[in-house]
Amino acid sequence: MLSRDFLKEQRKHERKALTLSVTLFFENEATKCKVLDISVGGAKVLCSKPFEKGADVILRFENFGDFKSHVVWLNEEYHGLKFLDDPAHIAEALAALALYG
């Protein structure tokens, strides 16, 4: 098992902790989830429904748009998503989320 310190060193972007309700779409099916932390590169998401590692999904933030994402890891109901969209677009959305979220 990898240590938390090792995992932190592997991240390219600083993560911010938060709890935010979102909708995750996979094959046109919607599942309510919660984002637990987020960065320009991705997010940690809590979902009652498991999604397979390697799945391409859409993460929808109400009022802030959709983010194409890829499931890079999972641990029970926790999922690690990597954003596939332009980092500049994601940074703008995160700034808006911080201001108005």
Protein backbone atom coordinates (compact mmCIF):
# COMPACT_ATOMS: atom_id res chain seq x y z
CA MET A 1 0.00 0.00 0.00
CA LEU A 2 1.31 3.46 -0.92
CA SER A 3 1.78 6.06 1.80
CA ARG A 4 -0.16 9.34 1.77
CA ASP A 5 3.12 11.29 1.56
CA PHE A 6 4.14 9.36 -1.56
CA LEU A 7 0.76 9.96 -3.18
CA LYS A 8 0.92 13.70 -2.39
CA GLU A 9 4.34 13.91 -4.04
CA GLN A 10 2.93 12.28 -7.22
CA ARG A 11 0.22 14.92 -7.66
CA LYS A 12 0.88 17.67 -10.18
CA HIS A 13 -1.71 20.10 -8.79
CA GLU A 14 -2.56 21.28 -5.28
CA ARG A 15 -5.87 19.86 -4.06
CA LYS A 16 -8.51 21.75 -2.10
CA ALA A 17 -10.79 19.95 0.34
CA LEU A 18 -14.53 20.57 0.02
CA THR A 19 -17.82 18.72 0.04
CA LEU A 20 -19.96 19.43 -2.98
CA SER A 21 -22.88 17.51 -4.48
CA VAL A 22 -22.40 16.63 -8.15
CA THR A 23 -23.80 14.26 -10.76
CA LEU A 24 -21.60 11.67 -12.45
CA PHE A 25 -22.69 10.39 -15.86
CA PHE A 26 -21.57 7.04 -17.26
CA GLU A 27 -23.18 5.58 -20.39
CA ASN A 28 -26.10 8.06 -20.12
CA GLU A 29 -26.88 6.99 -16.54
CA ALA A 30 -26.77 9.67 -13.82
CA THR A 31 -25.50 8.99 -10.29
CA LYS A 32 -25.48 11.51 -7.43
CA CYS A 33 -22.04 11.82 -5.84
CA LYS A 34 -19.99 14.14 -3.63
CA VAL A 35 -16.66 15.74 -4.50
CA LEU A 36 -14.36 15.56 -1.45
CA ASP A 37 -11.33 17.31 -2.91
CA ILE A 38 -10.49 18.92 -6.22
CA SER A 39 -7.65 20.40 -8.26
CA VAL A 40 -7.10 21.53 -11.82
CA GLY A 41 -6.02 17.96 -12.60
CA GLY A 42 -8.82 15.95 -11.02
CA ALA A 43 -11.02 15.16 -8.06
CA LYS A 44 -11.72 12.63 -5.34
CA VAL A 45 -15.37 11.63 -5.53
CA LEU A 46 -17.60 9.62 -3.18
CA CYS A 47 -20.28 7.59 -5.02
CA SER A 48 -22.50 4.82 -3.71
CA LYS A 49 -22.32 3.17 -7.14
CA PRO A 50 -18.89 1.82 -8.12
CA PHE A 51 -17.43 2.79 -11.48
CA GLU A 52 -14.67 0.73 -13.10
CA LYS A 53 -11.10 1.94 -13.22
CA GLY A 54 -10.51 3.22 -16.74
CA ALA A 55 -14.10 4.37 -17.28
CA ASP A 56 -14.68 7.69 -19.02
CA VAL A 57 -17.31 9.73 -17.18
CA ILE A 58 -18.78 13.23 -17.11
CA LEU A 59 -18.68 15.11 -13.80
CA ARG A 60 -21.43 17.74 -13.68
CA PHE A 61 -21.30 20.67 -11.29
CA GLU A 62 -24.65 22.43 -11.12
CA ASN A 63 -24.17 25.99 -12.42
CA PHE A 64 -20.51 25.32 -13.32
CA GLY A 65 -20.71 22.86 -16.20
CA ASP A 66 -19.52 19.43 -17.20
CA PHE A 67 -15.99 18.03 -16.95
CA LYS A 68 -14.88 15.08 -19.05
CA SER A 69 -13.06 12.75 -16.67
CA HIS A 70 -11.33 9.38 -16.46
CA VAL A 71 -11.47 7.06 -13.42
CA VAL A 72 -7.81 6.49 -12.51
CA TRP A 73 -8.30 4.71 -9.18
CA LEU A 74 -11.03 3.46 -6.89
CA ASN A 75 -11.26 2.22 -3.32
CA GLU A 76 -14.72 0.97 -2.41
CA GLU A 77 -17.02 4.01 -2.85
CA TYR A 78 -14.14 6.47 -3.38
CA HIS A 79 -13.05 7.29 -6.94
CA GLY A 80 -10.08 9.25 -8.24
CA LEU A 81 -10.91 11.19 -11.38
CA LYS A 82 -8.49 12.79 -13.82
CA PHE A 83 -9.94 15.71 -15.76
CA LEU A 84 -9.56 15.45 -19.54
CA ASP A 85 -10.62 19.02 -20.37
CA ASP A 86 -8.32 22.01 -20.91
CA PRO A 87 -6.71 22.92 -17.55
CA ALA A 88 -7.28 26.64 -18.21
CA HIS A 89 -11.04 26.00 -18.57
CA ILE A 90 -11.04 23.95 -15.37
CA ALA A 91 -9.08 26.64 -13.49
CA GLU A 92 -11.69 29.24 -14.52
CA ALA A 93 -14.53 27.01 -13.33
CA LEU A 94 -12.77 26.33 -10.02
CA ALA A 95 -12.22 30.05 -9.47
CA ALA A 96 -15.93 30.66 -10.09
CA LEU A 97 -16.79 27.80 -7.75
CA ALA A 98 -14.60 29.34 -5.03
CA LEU A 99 -16.29 32.72 -5.46
CA TYR A 100 -19.91 31.70 -5.96
CA GLY A 101 -20.09 28.03 -4.95
